[in-house]
Protein backbone atom coordinates (compact mmCIF):
# COMPACT_ATOMS: atom_id res chain seq x y z
CA UNK A 1 0.00 0.00 0.00
CA UNK A 2 1.40 3.36 -0.96
CA UNK A 3 0.31 6.94 -0.35
CA UNK A 4 2.04 10.03 -1.68
CA UNK A 5 2.40 13.24 0.35
CA UNK A 6 1.75 16.28 -1.83
CA UNK A 7 2.75 19.82 -0.85
CA UNK A 8 3.87 18.62 2.60
CA UNK A 9 0.23 17.95 3.49
CA UNK A 10 0.61 14.98 5.83
CA UNK A 11 -2.95 15.18 7.18
CA UNK A 12 -4.44 14.63 3.74
CA UNK A 13 -2.06 11.73 3.08
CA UNK A 14 -2.97 10.17 6.41
CA UNK A 15 -6.68 10.36 5.60
CA UNK A 16 -6.03 8.74 2.22
CA UNK A 17 -4.05 5.97 3.93
CA UNK A 18 -6.83 5.31 6.43
CA UNK A 19 -9.39 5.09 3.61
CA UNK A 20 -7.25 2.59 1.71
CA UNK A 21 -6.74 0.51 4.84
CA UNK A 22 -10.48 0.55 5.51
CA UNK A 23 -11.25 -0.65 1.98
CA UNK A 24 -8.68 -3.44 2.22
CA UNK A 25 -10.10 -4.64 5.54
CA UNK A 26 -6.90 -4.09 7.52
CA UNK A 27 -8.73 -2.65 10.54
CA UNK A 28 -11.17 -5.56 10.65
CA UNK A 29 -8.29 -8.02 10.47
CA UNK A 30 -6.44 -6.23 13.28
CA UNK A 31 -9.55 -6.33 15.47
CA UNK A 32 -10.01 -10.08 14.87
CA UNK A 33 -6.38 -10.84 15.67
CA UNK A 34 -6.30 -8.68 18.79
CA UNK A 35 -7.41 -11.59 21.00
CA UNK A 36 -6.99 -15.31 20.52
CA UNK A 37 -10.17 -17.05 19.50
CA UNK A 38 -10.72 -20.75 20.05
CA UNK A 39 -11.17 -22.84 16.89
CA UNK A 40 -14.80 -23.62 17.79
CA UNK A 41 -15.64 -19.94 18.08
CA UNK A 42 -13.99 -19.14 14.74
CA UNK A 43 -16.26 -21.54 12.88
CA UNK A 44 -19.37 -19.76 14.13
CA UNK A 45 -18.48 -16.65 12.13
CA UNK A 46 -17.52 -13.11 12.97
CA UNK A 47 -20.22 -12.73 15.61
CA UNK A 48 -18.85 -15.59 17.64
CA UNK A 49 -22.27 -16.82 18.65
CA UNK A 50 -24.44 -19.66 17.50
CA UNK A 51 -27.89 -19.47 15.96
CA UNK A 52 -30.37 -17.12 17.56
CA UNK A 53 -33.12 -18.42 19.84
CA UNK A 54 -35.93 -18.36 17.28
CA UNK A 55 -33.78 -20.47 14.95
CA UNK A 56 -33.03 -23.03 17.65
CA UNK A 57 -36.71 -23.23 18.62
CA UNK A 58 -37.65 -23.82 15.01
CA UNK A 59 -35.01 -26.55 14.77
CA UNK A 60 -36.33 -28.25 17.90
CA UNK A 61 -39.89 -28.19 16.60
CA UNK A 62 -38.75 -29.55 13.25
CA UNK A 63 -36.77 -32.42 14.80
CA UNK A 64 -39.39 -33.35 17.42
CA UNK A 65 -42.35 -32.99 15.12
CA UNK A 66 -44.54 -31.19 17.65
CA UNK A 67 -44.73 -27.77 19.27
CA UNK A 68 -43.41 -27.26 22.79
CA UNK A 69 -43.79 -24.45 25.28
CA UNK A 70 -40.44 -23.11 24.11
CA UNK A 71 -41.70 -22.92 20.53
CA UNK A 72 -44.51 -20.59 21.61
CA UNK A 73 -41.96 -17.93 22.40
CA UNK A 74 -41.91 -17.88 26.17
CA UNK A 75 -40.09 -19.59 29.00
CA UNK A 76 -41.06 -23.14 29.92
CA UNK A 77 -42.07 -22.38 33.48
CA UNK A 78 -44.88 -19.84 33.56
CA UNK A 79 -45.45 -19.82 37.31
CA UNK A 80 -46.35 -16.46 38.78
CA UNK A 81 -44.12 -14.87 41.32
CA UNK A 82 -45.48 -14.67 44.88
CA UNK A 83 -46.60 -11.21 45.96
CA UNK A 84 -43.91 -9.09 47.55
CA UNK A 85 -44.12 -8.89 51.34
CA UNK A 86 -44.31 -5.57 53.05
CA UNK A 87 -41.43 -4.91 55.45
CA UNK A 88 -42.23 -5.32 59.16
CA UNK A 89 -41.22 -2.54 61.52
PDB file of N, CA and C in Angstrom:
ATOM      1  N   UNK A   1       0.850  -1.161   0.000  1.00  0.00           N
ATOM      2  CA  UNK A   1       0.000   0.000   0.000  1.00  0.00           C
ATOM      3  C   UNK A   1       0.900   1.229   0.000  1.00  0.00           C
ATOM      4  N   UNK A   2       0.536   2.195  -0.814  1.00  0.00           N
ATOM      5  CA  UNK A   2       1.401   3.358  -0.965  1.00  0.00           C
ATOM      6  C   UNK A   2       0.556   4.622  -1.056  1.00  0.00           C
ATOM      7  N   UNK A   3       0.993   5.651  -0.337  1.00  0.00           N
ATOM      8  CA  UNK A   3       0.315   6.937  -0.348  1.00  0.00           C
ATOM      9  C   UNK A   3       1.368   8.014  -0.540  1.00  0.00           C
ATOM     10  N   UNK A   4       1.109   8.945  -1.421  1.00  0.00           N
ATOM     11  CA  UNK A   4       2.044  10.035  -1.678  1.00  0.00           C
ATOM     12  C   UNK A   4       1.625  11.279  -0.905  1.00  0.00           C
ATOM     13  N   UNK A   5       2.631  11.992  -0.365  1.00  0.00           N
ATOM     14  CA  UNK A   5       2.397  13.239   0.352  1.00  0.00           C
ATOM     15  C   UNK A   5       2.648  14.371  -0.629  1.00  0.00           C
ATOM     16  N   UNK A   6       1.624  15.158  -0.887  1.00  0.00           N
ATOM     17  CA  UNK A   6       1.751  16.278  -1.827  1.00  0.00           C
ATOM     18  C   UNK A   6       1.778  17.595  -1.063  1.00  0.00           C
ATOM     19  N   UNK A   7       2.638  18.478  -1.441  1.00  0.00           N
ATOM     20  CA  UNK A   7       2.748  19.821  -0.848  1.00  0.00           C
ATOM     21  C   UNK A   7       2.903  19.774   0.669  1.00  0.00           C
ATOM     22  N   UNK A   8       3.637  18.789   1.159  1.00  0.00           N
ATOM     23  CA  UNK A   8       3.870  18.623   2.603  1.00  0.00           C
ATOM     24  C   UNK A   8       2.561  18.560   3.408  1.00  0.00           C
ATOM     25  N   UNK A   9       1.515  18.064   2.802  1.00  0.00           N
ATOM     26  CA  UNK A   9       0.228  17.950   3.486  1.00  0.00           C
ATOM     27  C   UNK A   9       0.089  16.517   4.023  1.00  0.00           C
ATOM     28  N   UNK A  10       0.604  16.312   5.226  1.00  0.00           N
ATOM     29  CA  UNK A  10       0.614  14.977   5.829  1.00  0.00           C
ATOM     30  C   UNK A  10      -0.785  14.554   6.264  1.00  0.00           C
ATOM     31  N   UNK A  11      -1.592  15.513   6.722  1.00  0.00           N
ATOM     32  CA  UNK A  11      -2.947  15.184   7.177  1.00  0.00           C
ATOM     33  C   UNK A  11      -3.782  14.569   6.058  1.00  0.00           C
ATOM     34  N   UNK A  12      -3.680  15.151   4.877  1.00  0.00           N
ATOM     35  CA  UNK A  12      -4.442  14.632   3.739  1.00  0.00           C
ATOM     36  C   UNK A  12      -3.943  13.243   3.354  1.00  0.00           C
ATOM     37  N   UNK A  13      -2.626  13.044   3.401  1.00  0.00           N
ATOM     38  CA  UNK A  13      -2.062  11.735   3.075  1.00  0.00           C
ATOM     39  C   UNK A  13      -2.487  10.693   4.108  1.00  0.00           C
ATOM     40  N   UNK A  14      -2.544  11.093   5.360  1.00  0.00           N
ATOM     41  CA  UNK A  14      -2.968  10.175   6.412  1.00  0.00           C
ATOM     42  C   UNK A  14      -4.423   9.754   6.232  1.00  0.00           C
ATOM     43  N   UNK A  15      -5.269  10.704   5.862  1.00  0.00           N
ATOM     44  CA  UNK A  15      -6.682  10.364   5.597  1.00  0.00           C
ATOM     45  C   UNK A  15      -6.799   9.400   4.438  1.00  0.00           C
ATOM     46  N   UNK A  16      -6.007   9.632   3.381  1.00  0.00           N
ATOM     47  CA  UNK A  16      -6.035   8.738   2.225  1.00  0.00           C
ATOM     48  C   UNK A  16      -5.574   7.340   2.613  1.00  0.00           C
ATOM     49  N   UNK A  17      -4.542   7.267   3.472  1.00  0.00           N
ATOM     50  CA  UNK A  17      -4.048   5.967   3.927  1.00  0.00           C
ATOM     51  C   UNK A  17      -5.114   5.227   4.731  1.00  0.00           C
ATOM     52  N   UNK A  18      -5.783   5.940   5.624  1.00  0.00           N
ATOM     53  CA  UNK A  18      -6.834   5.309   6.427  1.00  0.00           C
ATOM     54  C   UNK A  18      -7.968   4.782   5.554  1.00  0.00           C
ATOM     55  N   UNK A  19      -8.335   5.548   4.520  1.00  0.00           N
ATOM     56  CA  UNK A  19      -9.392   5.095   3.607  1.00  0.00           C
ATOM     57  C   UNK A  19      -8.987   3.826   2.885  1.00  0.00           C
ATOM     58  N   UNK A  20      -7.723   3.787   2.419  1.00  0.00           N
ATOM     59  CA  UNK A  20      -7.247   2.590   1.715  1.00  0.00           C
ATOM     60  C   UNK A  20      -7.234   1.380   2.649  1.00  0.00           C
ATOM     61  N   UNK A  21      -6.780   1.607   3.868  1.00  0.00           N
ATOM     62  CA  UNK A  21      -6.735   0.509   4.836  1.00  0.00           C
ATOM     63  C   UNK A  21      -8.140   0.014   5.162  1.00  0.00           C
ATOM     64  N   UNK A  22      -9.089   0.922   5.238  1.00  0.00           N
ATOM     65  CA  UNK A  22     -10.482   0.554   5.508  1.00  0.00           C
ATOM     66  C   UNK A  22     -11.032  -0.307   4.375  1.00  0.00           C
ATOM     67  N   UNK A  23     -10.766   0.108   3.145  1.00  0.00           N
ATOM     68  CA  UNK A  23     -11.252  -0.647   1.982  1.00  0.00           C
ATOM     69  C   UNK A  23     -10.645  -2.040   1.911  1.00  0.00           C
ATOM     70  N   UNK A  24      -9.377  -2.154   2.286  1.00  0.00           N
ATOM     71  CA  UNK A  24      -8.683  -3.437   2.220  1.00  0.00           C
ATOM     72  C   UNK A  24      -9.077  -4.368   3.368  1.00  0.00           C
ATOM     73  N   UNK A  25      -9.685  -3.820   4.416  1.00  0.00           N
ATOM     74  CA  UNK A  25     -10.101  -4.643   5.540  1.00  0.00           C
ATOM     75  C   UNK A  25      -9.006  -4.843   6.571  1.00  0.00           C
ATOM     76  N   UNK A  26      -8.014  -3.967   6.584  1.00  0.00           N
ATOM     77  CA  UNK A  26      -6.899  -4.090   7.524  1.00  0.00           C
ATOM     78  C   UNK A  26      -7.383  -3.896   8.955  1.00  0.00           C
ATOM     79  N   UNK A  27      -8.245  -2.920   9.185  1.00  0.00           N
ATOM     80  CA  UNK A  27      -8.728  -2.651  10.540  1.00  0.00           C
ATOM     81  C   UNK A  27      -9.543  -3.822  11.080  1.00  0.00           C
ATOM     82  N   UNK A  28     -10.355  -4.411  10.229  1.00  0.00           N
ATOM     83  CA  UNK A  28     -11.167  -5.558  10.646  1.00  0.00           C
ATOM     84  C   UNK A  28     -10.258  -6.725  11.019  1.00  0.00           C
ATOM     85  N   UNK A  29      -9.238  -6.946  10.202  1.00  0.00           N
ATOM     86  CA  UNK A  29      -8.292  -8.025  10.469  1.00  0.00           C
ATOM     87  C   UNK A  29      -7.543  -7.786  11.784  1.00  0.00           C
ATOM     88  N   UNK A  30      -7.152  -6.554  12.034  1.00  0.00           N
ATOM     89  CA  UNK A  30      -6.445  -6.231  13.282  1.00  0.00           C
ATOM     90  C   UNK A  30      -7.348  -6.495  14.482  1.00  0.00           C
ATOM     91  N   UNK A  31      -8.605  -6.140  14.361  1.00  0.00           N
ATOM     92  CA  UNK A  31      -9.547  -6.335  15.466  1.00  0.00           C
ATOM     93  C   UNK A  31      -9.743  -7.830  15.739  1.00  0.00           C
ATOM     94  N   UNK A  32      -9.818  -8.639  14.687  1.00  0.00           N
ATOM     95  CA  UNK A  32     -10.009 -10.077  14.871  1.00  0.00           C
ATOM     96  C   UNK A  32      -8.782 -10.724  15.495  1.00  0.00           C
ATOM     97  N   UNK A  33      -7.609 -10.236  15.164  1.00  0.00           N
ATOM     98  CA  UNK A  33      -6.380 -10.839  15.675  1.00  0.00           C
ATOM     99  C   UNK A  33      -5.948 -10.277  17.022  1.00  0.00           C
ATOM    100  N   UNK A  34      -6.673  -9.311  17.528  1.00  0.00           N
ATOM    101  CA  UNK A  34      -6.298  -8.679  18.791  1.00  0.00           C
ATOM    102  C   UNK A  34      -6.306  -9.695  19.938  1.00  0.00           C
ATOM    103  N   UNK A  35      -7.293 -10.576  19.966  1.00  0.00           N
ATOM    104  CA  UNK A  35      -7.407 -11.595  21.005  1.00  0.00           C
ATOM    105  C   UNK A  35      -7.483 -12.959  20.345  1.00  0.00           C
ATOM    106  N   UNK A  36      -6.930 -13.950  21.025  1.00  0.00           N
ATOM    107  CA  UNK A  36      -6.991 -15.315  20.518  1.00  0.00           C
ATOM    108  C   UNK A  36      -8.427 -15.815  20.583  1.00  0.00           C
ATOM    109  N   UNK A  37      -8.825 -16.497  19.538  1.00  0.00           N
ATOM    110  CA  UNK A  37     -10.166 -17.050  19.503  1.00  0.00           C
ATOM    111  C   UNK A  37     -10.069 -18.553  19.311  1.00  0.00           C
ATOM    112  N   UNK A  38     -10.762 -19.294  20.140  1.00  0.00           N
ATOM    113  CA  UNK A  38     -10.716 -20.749  20.050  1.00  0.00           C
ATOM    114  C   UNK A  38     -11.213 -21.207  18.682  1.00  0.00           C
ATOM    115  N   UNK A  39     -10.744 -22.364  18.213  1.00  0.00           N
ATOM    116  CA  UNK A  39     -11.173 -22.838  16.888  1.00  0.00           C
ATOM    117  C   UNK A  39     -12.683 -23.018  16.780  1.00  0.00           C
ATOM    118  N   UNK A  40     -13.345 -23.439  17.842  1.00  0.00           N
ATOM    119  CA  UNK A  40     -14.797 -23.619  17.794  1.00  0.00           C
ATOM    120  C   UNK A  40     -15.531 -22.305  17.605  1.00  0.00           C
ATOM    121  N   UNK A  41     -15.016 -21.246  18.198  1.00  0.00           N
ATOM    122  CA  UNK A  41     -15.643 -19.938  18.079  1.00  0.00           C
ATOM    123  C   UNK A  41     -15.423 -19.359  16.682  1.00  0.00           C
ATOM    124  N   UNK A  42     -14.274 -19.663  16.078  1.00  0.00           N
ATOM    125  CA  UNK A  42     -13.987 -19.144  14.743  1.00  0.00           C
ATOM    126  C   UNK A  42     -15.005 -19.658  13.729  1.00  0.00           C
ATOM    127  N   UNK A  43     -15.385 -20.939  13.867  1.00  0.00           N
ATOM    128  CA  UNK A  43     -16.261 -21.537  12.877  1.00  0.00           C
ATOM    129  C   UNK A  43     -17.668 -20.955  12.917  1.00  0.00           C
ATOM    130  N   UNK A  44     -18.029 -20.315  14.019  1.00  0.00           N
ATOM    131  CA  UNK A  44     -19.369 -19.757  14.127  1.00  0.00           C
ATOM    132  C   UNK A  44     -19.497 -18.426  13.408  1.00  0.00           C
ATOM    133  N   UNK A  45     -18.419 -17.897  12.889  1.00  0.00           N
ATOM    134  CA  UNK A  45     -18.484 -16.651  12.130  1.00  0.00           C
ATOM    135  C   UNK A  45     -17.948 -15.482  12.919  1.00  0.00           C
ATOM    136  N   UNK A  46     -18.079 -14.303  12.347  1.00  0.00           N
ATOM    137  CA  UNK A  46     -17.519 -13.112  12.970  1.00  0.00           C
ATOM    138  C   UNK A  46     -18.193 -12.790  14.292  1.00  0.00           C
ATOM    139  N   UNK A  47     -19.503 -13.046  14.394  1.00  0.00           N
ATOM    140  CA  UNK A  47     -20.216 -12.725  15.613  1.00  0.00           C
ATOM    141  C   UNK A  47     -19.769 -13.535  16.809  1.00  0.00           C
ATOM    142  N   UNK A  48     -19.315 -14.756  16.554  1.00  0.00           N
ATOM    143  CA  UNK A  48     -18.848 -15.585  17.640  1.00  0.00           C
ATOM    144  C   UNK A  48     -19.963 -16.206  18.446  1.00  0.00           C
ATOM    145  N   UNK A  49     -21.175 -16.205  17.925  1.00  0.00           N
ATOM    146  CA  UNK A  49     -22.275 -16.821  18.645  1.00  0.00           C
ATOM    147  C   UNK A  49     -23.025 -17.766  17.706  1.00  0.00           C
ATOM    148  N   UNK A  50     -23.714 -18.681  18.278  1.00  0.00           N
ATOM    149  CA  UNK A  50     -24.444 -19.658  17.499  1.00  0.00           C
ATOM    150  C   UNK A  50     -25.731 -19.083  16.948  1.00  0.00           C
ATOM    151  N   UNK A  51     -26.626 -19.957  16.498  1.00  0.00           N
ATOM    152  CA  UNK A  51     -27.892 -19.472  15.957  1.00  0.00           C
ATOM    153  C   UNK A  51     -28.732 -18.784  17.025  1.00  0.00           C
ATOM    154  N   UNK A  52     -29.553 -17.860  16.611  1.00  0.00           N
ATOM    155  CA  UNK A  52     -30.375 -17.125  17.563  1.00  0.00           C
ATOM    156  C   UNK A  52     -31.469 -18.032  18.114  1.00  0.00           C
ATOM    157  N   UNK A  53     -32.120 -17.591  19.172  1.00  0.00           N
ATOM    158  CA  UNK A  53     -33.115 -18.423  19.839  1.00  0.00           C
ATOM    159  C   UNK A  53     -34.277 -18.827  18.936  1.00  0.00           C
ATOM    160  N   UNK A  54     -34.833 -17.910  18.144  1.00  0.00           N
ATOM    161  CA  UNK A  54     -35.929 -18.361  17.277  1.00  0.00           C
ATOM    162  C   UNK A  54     -35.501 -19.462  16.315  1.00  0.00           C
ATOM    163  N   UNK A  55     -34.260 -19.420  15.853  1.00  0.00           N
ATOM    164  CA  UNK A  55     -33.785 -20.465  14.953  1.00  0.00           C
ATOM    165  C   UNK A  55     -33.677 -21.792  15.683  1.00  0.00           C
ATOM    166  N   UNK A  56     -33.165 -21.775  16.912  1.00  0.00           N
ATOM    167  CA  UNK A  56     -33.026 -23.029  17.646  1.00  0.00           C
ATOM    168  C   UNK A  56     -34.393 -23.598  17.993  1.00  0.00           C
ATOM    169  N   UNK A  57     -35.351 -22.734  18.333  1.00  0.00           N
ATOM    170  CA  UNK A  57     -36.710 -23.229  18.617  1.00  0.00           C
ATOM    171  C   UNK A  57     -37.308 -23.894  17.386  1.00  0.00           C
ATOM    172  N   UNK A  58     -37.116 -23.258  16.247  1.00  0.00           N
ATOM    173  CA  UNK A  58     -37.647 -23.823  15.010  1.00  0.00           C
ATOM    174  C   UNK A  58     -36.990 -25.165  14.707  1.00  0.00           C
ATOM    175  N   UNK A  59     -35.701 -25.282  14.989  1.00  0.00           N
ATOM    176  CA  UNK A  59     -35.011 -26.549  14.766  1.00  0.00           C
ATOM    177  C   UNK A  59     -35.545 -27.632  15.692  1.00  0.00           C
ATOM    178  N   UNK A  60     -35.804 -27.277  16.956  1.00  0.00           N
ATOM    179  CA  UNK A  60     -36.333 -28.255  17.901  1.00  0.00           C
ATOM    180  C   UNK A  60     -37.709 -28.746  17.467  1.00  0.00           C
ATOM    181  N   UNK A  61     -38.546 -27.818  17.045  1.00  0.00           N
ATOM    182  CA  UNK A  61     -39.890 -28.186  16.598  1.00  0.00           C
ATOM    183  C   UNK A  61     -39.799 -29.086  15.370  1.00  0.00           C
ATOM    184  N   UNK A  62     -38.886 -28.759  14.478  1.00  0.00           N
ATOM    185  CA  UNK A  62     -38.751 -29.555  13.253  1.00  0.00           C
ATOM    186  C   UNK A  62     -38.257 -30.961  13.563  1.00  0.00           C
ATOM    187  N   UNK A  63     -37.319 -31.087  14.504  1.00  0.00           N
ATOM    188  CA  UNK A  63     -36.774 -32.415  14.801  1.00  0.00           C
ATOM    189  C   UNK A  63     -37.735 -33.248  15.638  1.00  0.00           C
ATOM    190  N   UNK A  64     -38.477 -32.613  16.555  1.00  0.00           N
ATOM    191  CA  UNK A  64     -39.390 -33.353  17.421  1.00  0.00           C
ATOM    192  C   UNK A  64     -40.723 -33.650  16.738  1.00  0.00           C
ATOM    193  N   UNK A  65     -41.108 -32.770  15.833  1.00  0.00           N
ATOM    194  CA  UNK A  65     -42.350 -32.986  15.124  1.00  0.00           C
ATOM    195  C   UNK A  65     -43.568 -32.437  15.833  1.00  0.00           C
ATOM    196  N   UNK A  66     -43.407 -31.777  16.945  1.00  0.00           N
ATOM    197  CA  UNK A  66     -44.540 -31.185  17.651  1.00  0.00           C
ATOM    198  C   UNK A  66     -44.084 -29.912  18.328  1.00  0.00           C
ATOM    199  N   UNK A  67     -45.033 -29.063  18.645  1.00  0.00           N
ATOM    200  CA  UNK A  67     -44.727 -27.772  19.269  1.00  0.00           C
ATOM    201  C   UNK A  67     -44.555 -27.957  20.775  1.00  0.00           C
ATOM    202  N   UNK A  68     -43.629 -27.230  21.341  1.00  0.00           N
ATOM    203  CA  UNK A  68     -43.406 -27.259  22.786  1.00  0.00           C
ATOM    204  C   UNK A  68     -43.679 -25.875  23.346  1.00  0.00           C
ATOM    205  N   UNK A  69     -43.610 -25.758  24.656  1.00  0.00           N
ATOM    206  CA  UNK A  69     -43.788 -24.450  25.278  1.00  0.00           C
ATOM    207  C   UNK A  69     -42.733 -23.472  24.797  1.00  0.00           C
ATOM    208  N   UNK A  70     -41.512 -23.981  24.583  1.00  0.00           N
ATOM    209  CA  UNK A  70     -40.439 -23.106  24.111  1.00  0.00           C
ATOM    210  C   UNK A  70     -40.747 -22.555  22.727  1.00  0.00           C
ATOM    211  N   UNK A  71     -41.415 -23.357  21.900  1.00  0.00           N
ATOM    212  CA  UNK A  71     -41.705 -22.920  20.533  1.00  0.00           C
ATOM    213  C   UNK A  71     -42.719 -21.783  20.522  1.00  0.00           C
ATOM    214  N   UNK A  72     -43.514 -21.654  21.581  1.00  0.00           N
ATOM    215  CA  UNK A  72     -44.514 -20.595  21.614  1.00  0.00           C
ATOM    216  C   UNK A  72     -43.907 -19.233  21.866  1.00  0.00           C
ATOM    217  N   UNK A  73     -42.629 -19.204  22.247  1.00  0.00           N
ATOM    218  CA  UNK A  73     -41.960 -17.931  22.395  1.00  0.00           C
ATOM    219  C   UNK A  73     -41.689 -17.505  23.816  1.00  0.00           C
ATOM    220  N   UNK A  74     -42.107 -18.275  24.787  1.00  0.00           N
ATOM    221  CA  UNK A  74     -41.905 -17.876  26.167  1.00  0.00           C
ATOM    222  C   UNK A  74     -41.104 -18.898  26.936  1.00  0.00           C
ATOM    223  N   UNK A  75     -40.839 -18.624  28.193  1.00  0.00           N
ATOM    224  CA  UNK A  75     -40.093 -19.592  29.001  1.00  0.00           C
ATOM    225  C   UNK A  75     -40.959 -20.804  29.311  1.00  0.00           C
ATOM    226  N   UNK A  76     -40.330 -21.907  29.646  1.00  0.00           N
ATOM    227  CA  UNK A  76     -41.063 -23.138  29.917  1.00  0.00           C
ATOM    228  C   UNK A  76     -41.932 -23.006  31.164  1.00  0.00           C
ATOM    229  N   UNK A  77     -41.376 -22.455  32.209  1.00  0.00           N
ATOM    230  CA  UNK A  77     -42.068 -22.378  33.475  1.00  0.00           C
ATOM    231  C   UNK A  77     -42.794 -21.039  33.558  1.00  0.00           C
ATOM    232  N   UNK A  78     -44.108 -21.072  33.566  1.00  0.00           N
ATOM    233  CA  UNK A  78     -44.878 -19.838  33.559  1.00  0.00           C
ATOM    234  C   UNK A  78     -45.516 -19.557  34.929  1.00  0.00           C
ATOM    235  N   UNK A  79     -44.911 -20.069  35.990  1.00  0.00           N
ATOM    236  CA  UNK A  79     -45.446 -19.816  37.314  1.00  0.00           C
ATOM    237  C   UNK A  79     -45.358 -18.341  37.649  1.00  0.00           C
ATOM    238  N   UNK A  80     -46.372 -17.864  38.366  1.00  0.00           N
ATOM    239  CA  UNK A  80     -46.353 -16.461  38.779  1.00  0.00           C
ATOM    240  C   UNK A  80     -45.493 -16.313  40.015  1.00  0.00           C
ATOM    241  N   UNK A  81     -44.924 -15.150  40.158  1.00  0.00           N
ATOM    242  CA  UNK A  81     -44.116 -14.865  41.324  1.00  0.00           C
ATOM    243  C   UNK A  81     -45.042 -14.578  42.502  1.00  0.00           C
ATOM    244  N   UNK A  82     -44.652 -14.981  43.707  1.00  0.00           N
ATOM    245  CA  UNK A  82     -45.479 -14.674  44.878  1.00  0.00           C
ATOM    246  C   UNK A  82     -45.490 -13.167  45.125  1.00  0.00           C
ATOM    247  N   UNK A  83     -46.555 -12.664  45.717  1.00  0.00           N
ATOM    248  CA  UNK A  83     -46.604 -11.215  45.964  1.00  0.00           C
ATOM    249  C   UNK A  83     -45.504 -10.790  46.927  1.00  0.00           C
ATOM    250  N   UNK A  84     -44.985  -9.605  46.717  1.00  0.00           N
ATOM    251  CA  UNK A  84     -43.905  -9.090  47.554  1.00  0.00           C
ATOM    252  C   UNK A  84     -44.457  -8.792  48.945  1.00  0.00           C
ATOM    253  N   UNK A  85     -43.694  -9.146  49.958  1.00  0.00           N
ATOM    254  CA  UNK A  85     -44.116  -8.887  51.342  1.00  0.00           C
ATOM    255  C   UNK A  85     -43.749  -7.483  51.732  1.00  0.00           C
ATOM    256  N   UNK A  86     -44.614  -6.906  52.544  1.00  0.00           N
ATOM    257  CA  UNK A  86     -44.309  -5.571  53.050  1.00  0.00           C
ATOM    258  C   UNK A  86     -43.355  -5.705  54.229  1.00  0.00           C
ATOM    259  N   UNK A  87     -42.411  -4.791  54.356  1.00  0.00           N
ATOM    260  CA  UNK A  87     -41.428  -4.907  55.451  1.00  0.00           C
ATOM    261  C   UNK A  87     -42.100  -4.682  56.808  1.00  0.00           C
ATOM    262  N   UNK A  88     -41.697  -5.467  57.816  1.00  0.00           N
ATOM    263  CA  UNK A  88     -42.230  -5.320  59.159  1.00  0.00           C
ATOM    264  C   UNK A  88     -41.334  -4.388  59.950  1.00  0.00           C
ATOM    265  N   UNK A  89     -41.983  -3.484  60.702  1.00  0.00           N
ATOM    266  CA  UNK A  89     -41.222  -2.536  61.518  1.00  0.00           C
ATOM    267  C   UNK A  89     -41.517  -2.742  62.963  1.00  0.00           C
TER     268      UNK A  89
END
